Amino acid sequence: MKFDFTTRVFDKEKITLAGTEEYIVRGGRHLFNRLPDAFQGIRKIGVIGWGSQGPAQAQNLRDSLKEAGSPIVVQVGLRSGSASWKSAEAAGFTESGGTLGEMMSVIAESDLVLLLISDAAQAELYQDVFKAMKKGATLGLSHGFLLGHLKSQGESFPATMNVIGVCPKGMGPSVRRLYEQGRTTDGAGINSSFAVEQDIDGKATDYAIGWAVALGAPFSFMTSLEMEYRSDIYGERGILLGAVHGIVEALYRRYVEQGMSTEQAFNETVESVTGPISELVSHKGIRAVYDSLSGEDRQTFEIAYSAAYNPAREILQEIYDEVASGNELRSVILAGERMKTYPFETIDNTPMWKVGAQVRAQRSPGGTPLNPFTAGVYLATMIAQIDVLSAAGHVYSEIVNESVIEAVDSLNPYMHARGVSYMVDNCSTTARLGSRKWAPRFDYLLNQLAFPRVDAGAKADPALIAAFTDHRVHSAVETLLQYRPTVDIAVPM
């Protein structure tokens, strides 16, 4: 699928990714002075919700518009009695100052409504939201979940509103943290996709791009809300959260059973993924991990990759089918009701994560090994995810962001800092549910299918390795690395 767009405010650039042409908009703080033009006709932006994305987006928008000298008011809307009210006040939003109010009142007053409440809450409240919105206002989403839910109900968005999406390719805390780092490094931030589902006045595209620029996105690319929710919900259940959690759990137990100490096993799994493997991929690309290996280590990588690819591809195809069919969306809505009785609990109580707290406390610079077996399993799963998305027709900017950039530049650093629960539970409710549901499946399939092949003496598959080394994604990643900020995210320990 190919996307093109017209903008009267920003400059679009044509890039070639894996042999296909796409258009992006490069970001940067020097573009903040264009925000008043981009948001022409907007007097108030209502940010609804204070979950993963709400705090970051409200603060980034407020700060960017202030820097641009714009009079646009950013107002946070929360339910009456919300436990998040005090947190919003601590971030500088106040009822007395006209920047904090009851959710439906804020929706009714806003020209641009950014609906950032949980997906289950959107499914429950969308009719009330639509009724509250002013005629001609714009609905902004940071996830295409609501579109998928409407389609499953045989419904659609009201024809009286613009509907746009801006979807940062990282958790909310990363969106805010890198924006703050960007005060001294122009362009530091989280990439974002944008979508225009309905445009009733010809302004929707610039509203969307302006929103992405104001959040601090180094670059933004176009998709559709449907392709976004498919890739996003799928990716969270895959290499971004669920798969990496299942992989390191399975590898940790394997290494301990093979005689490693628990501390070494943690170093050779979690620390290897979040340290040298992620660092190489982030700065030099996926292929750089393979190229850094030689001799026996390269052979070990190839054996692990060959054993893991097909089991990973099988489960990742199942996940994509569940998302595309609407089954996974329905499971999120059903979980919303269950969670009233069974709320989230921590997911770092296994022996590995308890050992991890000790390992993190004793880290020394440069002391983390790049384990070739771990790298083979991890990158086999990453490539399998990429192949499923490519076969489903997603553009490569979306594929790379949802399978590579978000993993190594936004999520893995949080696991590196404090563990898997800190990484997963800083994400949306939908992401957290998916990680908990699918991580055990990856763990199980590795133990049932991949590891037995290795233990039975299976050799590397030359065809699979050739497909990896010659994969089109490597050139796409190389191109997008040119837009990577020079700064790495600094996650508080």
Protein backbone atom coordinates (compact mmCIF):
# COMPACT_ATOMS: atom_id res chain seq x y z
CA MET A 1 0.00 0.00 0.00
CA LYS A 2 1.31 3.45 -0.93
CA PHE A 3 0.41 6.72 0.79
CA ASP A 4 0.82 10.26 -0.50
CA PHE A 5 -0.36 13.55 0.95
CA THR A 6 -0.43 17.28 0.34
CA THR A 7 0.63 19.82 2.97
CA ARG A 8 0.54 23.59 2.64
CA VAL A 9 2.65 24.21 5.77
CA PHE A 10 5.40 21.62 5.92
CA ASP A 11 7.93 20.18 3.48
CA LYS A 12 7.61 16.54 2.53
CA GLU A 13 10.57 14.44 1.44
CA LYS A 14 10.56 11.44 -0.87
CA ILE A 15 12.61 8.51 0.34
CA THR A 16 13.18 5.01 -1.02
CA LEU A 17 12.81 2.12 1.41
CA ALA A 18 13.41 -1.45 0.26
CA GLY A 19 12.86 -0.39 -3.34
CA THR A 20 9.59 1.44 -2.67
CA GLU A 21 8.98 5.20 -2.59
CA GLU A 22 7.44 6.88 0.46
CA TYR A 23 6.99 10.43 1.70
CA ILE A 24 7.89 11.68 5.16
CA VAL A 25 8.02 14.98 7.01
CA ARG A 26 11.22 15.70 8.89
CA GLY A 27 10.65 17.27 12.31
CA GLY A 28 12.67 19.50 14.62
CA ARG A 29 12.16 22.38 17.01
CA HIS A 30 12.95 24.86 14.24
CA LEU A 31 9.53 23.97 12.80
CA PHE A 32 7.59 25.03 15.89
CA ASN A 33 7.10 28.49 14.38
CA ARG A 34 4.94 26.85 11.70
CA LEU A 35 2.50 25.40 14.24
CA PRO A 36 0.14 28.42 14.24
CA ASP A 37 -0.32 27.99 10.49
CA ALA A 38 -0.70 24.22 10.78
CA PHE A 39 -3.39 24.59 13.47
CA GLN A 40 -5.27 27.34 11.62
CA GLY A 41 -8.75 27.67 13.13
CA ILE A 42 -7.85 25.80 16.32
CA ARG A 43 -8.28 27.75 19.57
CA LYS A 44 -8.37 24.91 22.08
CA ILE A 45 -6.86 21.42 22.05
CA GLY A 46 -8.40 19.01 24.52
CA VAL A 47 -6.15 16.15 25.64
CA ILE A 48 -8.51 13.53 27.05
CA GLY A 49 -6.97 11.02 29.46
CA TRP A 50 -3.85 10.71 31.58
CA GLY A 51 -2.59 7.20 30.89
CA SER A 52 0.61 6.33 29.01
CA GLN A 53 0.32 8.95 26.23
CA GLY A 54 -1.76 11.69 27.89
CA PRO A 55 0.87 13.28 30.15
CA ALA A 56 3.54 13.31 27.45
CA GLN A 57 1.36 14.63 24.67
CA ALA A 58 -0.33 17.31 26.78
CA GLN A 59 3.00 18.65 28.06
CA ASN A 60 4.79 18.45 24.71
CA LEU A 61 1.95 20.24 22.90
CA ARG A 62 1.73 22.93 25.57
CA ASP A 63 5.48 23.54 25.54
CA SER A 64 5.79 23.55 21.74
CA LEU A 65 2.89 25.96 21.25
CA LYS A 66 4.30 28.25 23.93
CA GLU A 67 7.68 28.23 22.19
CA ALA A 68 5.88 29.08 18.94
CA GLY A 69 4.14 32.03 20.60
CA SER A 70 0.74 30.51 19.84
CA PRO A 71 -2.36 31.46 21.90
CA ILE A 72 -3.84 27.97 21.48
CA VAL A 73 -4.85 26.55 24.86
CA VAL A 74 -4.03 22.92 25.71
CA GLN A 75 -6.57 21.66 28.24
CA VAL A 76 -6.54 18.23 29.90
CA GLY A 77 -9.89 16.49 30.31
CA LEU A 78 -10.37 13.85 33.02
CA ARG A 79 -13.32 12.12 34.61
CA SER A 80 -14.66 13.81 37.74
CA GLY A 81 -12.89 12.36 40.74
CA SER A 82 -10.11 10.87 38.63
CA ALA A 83 -7.09 9.68 40.59
CA SER A 84 -4.97 11.35 37.89
CA TRP A 85 -6.23 14.84 38.68
CA LYS A 86 -3.40 15.60 41.09
CA SER A 87 -0.82 14.25 38.64
CA ALA A 88 -2.11 16.59 35.96
CA GLU A 89 -1.94 19.49 38.41
CA ALA A 90 1.64 18.56 39.28
CA ALA A 91 2.44 18.83 35.56
CA GLY A 92 1.10 22.40 35.51
CA PHE A 93 -2.50 21.92 34.35
CA THR A 94 -5.05 23.60 36.63
CA GLU A 95 -8.79 24.08 36.72
CA SER A 96 -8.42 27.68 37.82
CA GLY A 97 -6.11 28.38 34.90
CA GLY A 98 -8.51 26.87 32.37
CA THR A 99 -6.17 24.03 31.45
CA LEU A 100 -7.80 21.18 33.40
CA GLY A 101 -11.44 20.15 33.46
CA GLU A 102 -14.09 17.46 33.42
CA MET A 103 -13.71 15.21 30.39
CA MET A 104 -16.98 15.80 28.55
CA SER A 105 -16.88 19.53 29.18
CA VAL A 106 -13.39 19.75 27.71
CA ILE A 107 -14.51 17.70 24.69
CA ALA A 108 -17.46 20.04 24.09
CA GLU A 109 -15.23 23.13 24.20
CA SER A 110 -12.32 21.85 22.08
CA ASP A 111 -11.69 22.36 18.39
CA LEU A 112 -9.22 19.44 18.37
CA VAL A 113 -10.03 16.54 20.70
CA LEU A 114 -7.14 14.12 21.32
CA LEU A 115 -8.86 11.03 22.70
CA LEU A 116 -6.13 9.28 24.69
CA ILE A 117 -8.21 7.25 27.13
CA SER A 118 -7.77 3.45 27.11
CA ASP A 119 -9.04 1.49 24.12
CA ALA A 120 -11.64 -0.30 26.25
CA ALA A 121 -12.87 3.07 27.54
CA GLN A 122 -13.09 4.40 23.98
CA ALA A 123 -15.24 1.41 23.01
CA GLU A 124 -17.48 2.16 26.00
CA LEU A 125 -17.74 5.95 25.63
CA TYR A 126 -17.37 6.76 21.93
CA GLN A 127 -21.04 7.57 21.42
CA ASP A 128 -20.96 10.08 24.28
CA VAL A 129 -17.75 11.58 22.89
CA PHE A 130 -19.26 11.99 19.41
CA LYS A 131 -22.37 13.65 20.84
CA ALA A 132 -20.29 16.05 22.93
CA MET A 133 -18.02 17.23 20.11
CA LYS A 134 -18.70 20.49 18.31
CA LYS A 135 -19.82 20.27 14.70
CA GLY A 136 -16.77 20.70 12.50
CA ALA A 137 -14.30 19.80 15.27
CA THR A 138 -11.46 17.34 14.75
CA LEU A 139 -11.10 14.02 16.53
CA GLY A 140 -7.50 12.95 17.07
CA LEU A 141 -6.50 9.38 17.93
CA SER A 142 -3.11 7.94 18.82
CA HIS A 143 -4.24 4.44 18.00
CA GLY A 144 -6.58 3.07 15.35
CA PHE A 145 -8.35 0.78 17.83
CA LEU A 146 -11.59 2.79 17.76
CA LEU A 147 -11.82 2.48 13.99
CA GLY A 148 -11.50 -1.29 14.28
CA HIS A 149 -14.18 -1.39 16.94
CA LEU A 150 -16.56 0.77 14.88
CA LYS A 151 -16.10 -1.50 11.87
CA SER A 152 -16.88 -4.54 13.98
CA GLN A 153 -20.13 -2.85 15.04
CA GLY A 154 -21.05 -1.83 11.50
CA GLU A 155 -20.66 1.85 12.46
CA SER A 156 -18.52 4.76 11.31
CA PHE A 157 -17.30 8.15 12.47
CA PRO A 158 -19.87 10.98 12.20
CA ALA A 159 -19.58 12.84 8.90
CA THR A 160 -19.47 16.20 10.70
CA MET A 161 -15.90 15.87 11.99
CA ASN A 162 -12.34 15.51 10.82
CA VAL A 163 -10.74 12.28 12.03
CA ILE A 164 -6.95 12.11 12.20
CA GLY A 165 -4.36 9.95 13.86
CA VAL A 166 -0.90 10.68 15.21
CA CYS A 167 0.71 7.60 16.69
CA PRO A 168 4.12 7.95 18.38
CA LYS A 169 6.28 4.88 17.91
CA GLY A 170 7.08 4.59 21.60
CA MET A 171 5.54 4.61 25.04
CA GLY A 172 4.38 7.90 26.52
CA PRO A 173 7.30 8.32 28.93
CA SER A 174 9.70 8.00 25.97
CA VAL A 175 7.74 10.65 24.06
CA ARG A 176 8.21 13.06 26.95
CA ARG A 177 11.76 12.05 27.92
CA LEU A 178 13.22 12.46 24.43
CA TYR A 179 11.31 15.72 23.93
CA GLU A 180 13.00 17.06 27.05
CA GLN A 181 16.38 15.88 25.80
CA GLY A 182 15.55 17.60 22.53
CA ARG A 183 15.66 21.00 24.22
CA THR A 184 19.42 20.82 23.71
CA THR A 185 19.47 18.44 20.73
CA ASP A 186 17.22 19.54 17.89
CA GLY A 187 15.27 16.61 16.51
CA ALA A 188 15.49 14.36 19.56
CA GLY A 189 12.16 12.62 19.95
CA ILE A 190 10.05 9.63 18.97
CA ASN A 191 9.06 9.00 15.35
CA SER A 192 5.37 9.06 14.61
CA SER A 193 2.95 7.86 11.99
CA PHE A 194 -0.01 10.00 10.99
CA ALA A 195 -3.29 9.22 9.28
CA VAL A 196 -6.21 11.15 7.84
CA GLU A 197 -9.41 9.12 8.08
CA GLN A 198 -11.83 12.00 7.34
CA ASP A 199 -11.12 15.50 6.05
CA ILE A 200 -14.18 17.74 5.92
CA ASP A 201 -12.46 21.11 5.55
CA GLY A 202 -9.12 20.47 3.83
CA LYS A 203 -7.17 21.11 7.04
CA ALA A 204 -6.89 17.61 8.47
CA THR A 205 -3.50 16.71 7.01
CA ASP A 206 -1.77 19.80 8.36
CA TYR A 207 -3.48 19.32 11.72
CA ALA A 208 -2.03 15.81 11.86
CA ILE A 209 1.48 16.78 10.79
CA GLY A 210 1.46 19.79 13.12
CA TRP A 211 0.47 17.52 15.98
CA ALA A 212 3.37 15.15 15.19
CA VAL A 213 5.86 18.02 14.91
CA ALA A 214 4.64 19.51 18.20
CA LEU A 215 5.21 16.16 19.93
CA GLY A 216 8.84 16.32 18.82
CA ALA A 217 8.85 13.57 16.18
CA PRO A 218 12.18 13.52 14.28
CA PHE A 219 10.18 12.35 11.30
CA SER A 220 6.60 11.34 10.63
CA PHE A 221 5.18 9.10 7.94
CA MET A 222 1.71 8.48 6.58
CA THR A 223 -0.36 5.36 7.12
CA SER A 224 -4.06 4.61 7.60
CA LEU A 225 -5.77 4.11 10.94
CA GLU A 226 -6.54 0.52 9.99
CA MET A 227 -2.97 -0.35 9.05
CA GLU A 228 -1.77 1.47 12.16
CA TYR A 229 -3.85 -0.50 14.62
CA ARG A 230 -2.98 -3.74 12.89
CA SER A 231 0.76 -3.11 13.03
CA ASP A 232 0.70 -1.52 16.48
CA ILE A 233 -1.39 -4.10 18.35
CA TYR A 234 0.47 -6.85 16.51
CA GLY A 235 3.89 -5.38 17.25
CA GLU A 236 3.17 -5.03 20.97
CA ARG A 237 2.32 -8.70 21.14
CA GLY A 238 5.40 -9.47 19.08
CA ILE A 239 9.00 -8.30 19.32
CA LEU A 240 8.20 -5.02 21.08
CA LEU A 241 6.85 -6.56 24.29
CA GLY A 242 5.38 -10.06 24.32
CA ALA A 243 7.99 -11.81 22.22
CA VAL A 244 11.06 -10.29 23.87
CA HIS A 245 9.64 -11.15 27.30
CA GLY A 246 8.99 -14.75 26.29
CA ILE A 247 12.37 -15.08 24.56
CA VAL A 248 14.49 -13.98 27.50
CA GLU A 249 12.52 -16.11 29.97
CA ALA A 250 13.01 -19.21 27.80
CA LEU A 251 16.70 -18.52 27.17
CA TYR A 252 17.41 -17.76 30.83
CA ARG A 253 16.08 -21.14 31.98
CA ARG A 254 17.94 -22.89 29.19
CA TYR A 255 21.26 -21.32 30.13
CA VAL A 256 20.79 -22.09 33.84
CA GLU A 257 19.99 -25.71 32.97
CA GLN A 258 23.19 -25.80 30.91
CA GLY A 259 25.21 -24.81 33.99
CA MET A 260 25.43 -21.02 33.94
CA SER A 261 25.07 -19.15 37.21
CA THR A 262 21.83 -17.22 37.49
CA GLU A 263 23.71 -13.91 37.26
CA GLN A 264 25.55 -14.96 34.13
CA ALA A 265 22.36 -16.28 32.55
CA PHE A 266 20.69 -12.91 33.09
CA ASN A 267 23.69 -11.18 31.53
CA GLU A 268 23.62 -13.50 28.53
CA THR A 269 19.89 -12.95 27.93
CA VAL A 270 18.25 -9.72 29.09
CA GLU A 271 21.44 -7.69 29.36
CA SER A 272 22.66 -8.95 26.00
CA VAL A 273 19.40 -7.94 24.27
CA THR A 274 18.97 -4.56 25.96
CA GLY A 275 22.70 -3.78 25.87
CA PRO A 276 24.98 -4.63 22.91
CA ILE A 277 22.34 -6.11 20.61
CA SER A 278 19.98 -3.14 20.90
CA GLU A 279 22.86 -0.67 20.72
CA LEU A 280 24.18 -2.15 17.48
CA VAL A 281 20.75 -2.30 15.87
CA SER A 282 19.94 1.24 17.00
CA HIS A 283 23.09 2.81 15.61
CA LYS A 284 24.12 0.52 12.74
CA GLY A 285 21.18 -1.70 11.84
CA ILE A 286 20.10 -5.32 12.24
CA ARG A 287 22.77 -6.74 9.96
CA ALA A 288 25.48 -5.11 12.12
CA VAL A 289 24.88 -7.70 14.85
CA TYR A 290 25.59 -10.55 12.44
CA ASP A 291 28.58 -8.75 10.91
CA SER A 292 30.13 -8.29 14.36
CA LEU A 293 30.32 -12.06 14.81
CA SER A 294 32.85 -14.43 13.34
CA GLY A 295 34.01 -18.03 13.57
CA GLU A 296 32.19 -20.19 16.09
CA ASP A 297 30.05 -17.29 17.31
CA ARG A 298 28.66 -16.72 13.82
CA GLN A 299 27.91 -20.43 13.47
CA THR A 300 26.09 -20.36 16.80
CA PHE A 301 24.03 -17.37 15.64
CA GLU A 302 23.10 -19.12 12.40
CA ILE A 303 22.01 -22.31 14.19
CA ALA A 304 19.88 -20.37 16.68
CA TYR A 305 18.39 -18.18 13.94
CA SER A 306 17.52 -21.19 11.78
CA ALA A 307 15.87 -23.02 14.66
CA ALA A 308 13.85 -20.04 15.89
CA TYR A 309 12.63 -18.39 12.68
CA ASN A 310 9.81 -20.77 11.69
CA PRO A 311 8.34 -21.18 15.21
CA ALA A 312 8.41 -17.40 15.58
CA ARG A 313 6.87 -16.86 12.15
CA GLU A 314 4.09 -19.31 12.99
CA ILE A 315 3.01 -17.56 16.17
CA LEU A 316 3.47 -14.08 14.69
CA GLN A 317 1.20 -14.98 11.80
CA GLU A 318 -1.37 -16.21 14.31
CA ILE A 319 -1.14 -12.90 16.19
CA TYR A 320 -1.58 -10.87 13.01
CA ASP A 321 -4.58 -12.96 12.00
CA GLU A 322 -6.14 -12.44 15.43
CA VAL A 323 -5.65 -8.67 15.16
CA ALA A 324 -6.84 -8.36 11.56
CA SER A 325 -9.94 -10.46 12.24
CA GLY A 326 -10.94 -8.30 15.21
CA ASN A 327 -10.55 -11.11 17.74
CA GLU A 328 -7.72 -9.37 19.58
CA LEU A 329 -9.68 -6.11 19.73
CA ARG A 330 -12.63 -7.93 21.25
CA SER A 331 -10.36 -9.58 23.82
CA VAL A 332 -9.16 -6.14 24.95
CA ILE A 333 -12.73 -4.93 25.43
CA LEU A 334 -13.67 -8.08 27.37
CA ALA A 335 -10.58 -7.67 29.54
CA GLY A 336 -11.65 -4.15 30.45
CA GLU A 337 -14.60 -5.58 32.36
CA ARG A 338 -12.54 -8.32 34.03
CA MET A 339 -9.95 -5.83 35.20
CA LYS A 340 -12.51 -4.17 37.45
CA THR A 341 -12.23 -7.34 39.57
CA TYR A 342 -8.75 -8.51 38.60
CA PRO A 343 -6.49 -5.47 38.09
CA PHE A 344 -2.96 -5.68 36.74
CA GLU A 345 -0.30 -7.14 39.00
CA THR A 346 3.47 -7.12 38.57
CA ILE A 347 5.03 -9.49 36.04
CA ASP A 348 8.59 -9.54 37.35
CA ASN A 349 8.27 -12.13 40.13
CA THR A 350 9.97 -15.02 38.31
CA PRO A 351 13.48 -15.98 39.49
CA MET A 352 15.08 -14.29 36.47
CA TRP A 353 13.76 -10.82 37.24
CA LYS A 354 14.69 -11.10 40.91
CA VAL A 355 18.25 -11.93 39.86
CA GLY A 356 18.07 -9.05 37.39
CA ALA A 357 17.69 -6.48 40.15
CA GLN A 358 20.98 -7.69 41.61
CA VAL A 359 22.74 -7.69 38.23
CA ARG A 360 21.62 -4.15 37.42
CA ALA A 361 22.94 -2.95 40.77
CA GLN A 362 26.40 -4.39 40.00
CA ARG A 363 26.78 -3.34 36.37
CA SER A 364 30.15 -2.25 35.07
CA PRO A 365 30.62 -0.31 31.79
CA GLY A 366 31.32 -2.58 28.84
CA GLY A 367 30.74 -5.69 30.90
CA THR A 368 27.75 -7.09 28.99
CA PRO A 369 28.43 -9.85 26.46
CA LEU A 370 26.80 -10.15 23.06
CA ASN A 371 25.59 -13.73 23.25
CA PRO A 372 25.34 -15.12 19.69
CA PHE A 373 22.66 -17.69 20.52
CA THR A 374 20.51 -15.02 22.18
CA ALA A 375 21.08 -12.73 19.20
CA GLY A 376 20.07 -15.46 16.76
CA VAL A 377 16.77 -16.15 18.51
CA TYR A 378 15.95 -12.47 19.05
CA LEU A 379 16.72 -11.35 15.49
CA ALA A 380 14.97 -14.38 13.97
CA THR A 381 11.82 -13.22 15.74
CA MET A 382 12.35 -9.63 14.64
CA ILE A 383 12.77 -10.64 11.01
CA ALA A 384 9.78 -13.00 11.20
CA GLN A 385 7.66 -10.08 12.43
CA ILE A 386 8.95 -7.92 9.59
CA ASP A 387 8.10 -10.62 7.05
CA VAL A 388 4.53 -10.98 8.32
CA LEU A 389 3.97 -7.21 8.10
CA SER A 390 5.51 -7.03 4.64
CA ALA A 391 3.33 -9.87 3.37
CA ALA A 392 0.28 -8.03 4.73
CA GLY A 393 1.09 -4.91 2.68
CA HIS A 394 2.41 -2.50 5.31
CA VAL A 395 4.79 0.24 4.14
CA TYR A 396 8.41 -0.12 5.19
CA SER A 397 8.49 3.03 7.29
CA GLU A 398 5.77 1.46 9.42
CA ILE A 399 7.43 -1.96 9.40
CA VAL A 400 10.79 -0.63 10.55
CA ASN A 401 9.33 1.61 13.24
CA GLU A 402 6.99 -1.06 14.64
CA SER A 403 9.56 -3.87 14.54
CA VAL A 404 12.97 -2.25 15.00
CA ILE A 405 13.15 1.41 16.02
CA GLU A 406 10.49 1.29 18.71
CA ALA A 407 12.07 -1.83 20.19
CA VAL A 408 15.66 -0.64 20.47
CA ASP A 409 15.15 3.12 20.93
CA SER A 410 12.07 3.28 23.16
CA LEU A 411 11.12 0.02 24.87
CA ASN A 412 14.26 -2.03 25.46
CA PRO A 413 15.96 0.89 27.27
CA TYR A 414 13.18 0.76 29.87
CA MET A 415 13.69 -2.97 30.40
CA HIS A 416 17.41 -2.28 30.67
CA ALA A 417 16.82 0.36 33.33
CA ARG A 418 14.43 -1.45 35.66
CA GLY A 419 13.17 -4.72 34.24
CA VAL A 420 10.30 -6.08 32.21
CA SER A 421 7.49 -4.81 34.43
CA TYR A 422 8.83 -1.26 34.13
CA MET A 423 8.95 -1.61 30.34
CA VAL A 424 5.53 -3.19 29.90
CA ASP A 425 3.62 -1.23 32.51
CA ASN A 426 4.68 2.15 31.14
CA CYS A 427 2.70 1.24 28.00
CA SER A 428 -1.00 1.36 27.22
CA THR A 429 -3.51 -1.03 28.75
CA THR A 430 -3.91 -2.72 25.35
CA ALA A 431 -0.16 -3.27 25.12
CA ARG A 432 0.07 -4.56 28.66
CA LEU A 433 -2.73 -7.04 28.06
CA GLY A 434 -1.13 -8.29 24.86
CA SER A 435 2.29 -8.75 26.43
CA ARG A 436 0.88 -10.78 29.29
CA LYS A 437 -1.22 -12.91 26.94
CA TRP A 438 1.35 -13.76 24.29
CA ALA A 439 4.73 -13.84 26.10
CA PRO A 440 4.10 -17.33 27.49
CA ARG A 441 3.28 -18.57 23.98
CA PHE A 442 6.69 -17.49 22.67
CA ASP A 443 8.35 -19.09 25.69
CA TYR A 444 6.46 -22.34 25.07
CA LEU A 445 7.10 -22.56 21.32
CA LEU A 446 10.82 -21.97 21.74
CA ASN A 447 11.00 -24.79 24.26
CA GLN A 448 8.77 -27.10 22.22
CA LEU A 449 10.06 -26.45 18.71
CA ALA A 450 13.23 -24.39 18.45
CA PHE A 451 15.48 -25.63 21.25
CA PRO A 452 14.83 -29.35 20.60
CA ARG A 453 16.05 -28.87 17.02
CA VAL A 454 19.29 -27.38 18.28
CA ASP A 455 19.73 -30.11 20.89
CA ALA A 456 19.14 -32.75 18.21
CA GLY A 457 22.12 -31.34 16.28
CA ALA A 458 20.27 -29.46 13.55
CA LYS A 459 22.56 -27.35 11.38
CA ALA A 460 22.00 -23.86 10.10
CA ASP A 461 19.62 -23.54 7.14
CA PRO A 462 21.58 -21.87 4.31
CA ALA A 463 18.39 -20.58 2.67
CA LEU A 464 17.17 -18.92 5.87
CA ILE A 465 20.55 -17.35 6.52
CA ALA A 466 20.78 -16.06 2.95
CA ALA A 467 17.27 -14.61 3.28
CA PHE A 468 18.43 -12.85 6.44
CA THR A 469 21.71 -11.45 5.12
CA ASP A 470 20.12 -10.28 1.85
CA HIS A 471 16.87 -9.04 3.38
CA ARG A 472 15.39 -5.82 1.96
CA VAL A 473 14.85 -4.48 5.46
CA HIS A 474 18.56 -3.81 5.93
CA SER A 475 18.63 -1.07 3.29
CA ALA A 476 15.40 0.39 4.70
CA VAL A 477 16.88 0.54 8.21
CA GLU A 478 20.06 2.10 6.82
CA THR A 479 18.02 4.86 5.16
CA LEU A 480 15.96 5.60 8.28
CA LEU A 481 19.09 5.70 10.44
CA GLN A 482 19.86 8.98 8.68
CA TYR A 483 16.86 10.48 10.49
CA ARG A 484 17.83 9.10 13.89
CA PRO A 485 18.55 11.75 16.53
CA THR A 486 22.15 11.85 17.70
CA VAL A 487 21.04 11.41 21.31
CA ASP A 488 20.11 8.11 22.98
CA ILE A 489 17.21 8.08 25.38
CA ALA A 490 18.32 8.58 28.99
CA VAL A 491 15.95 6.49 31.12
CA PRO A 492 16.04 7.32 34.84
CA MET A 493 17.35 4.33 36.77
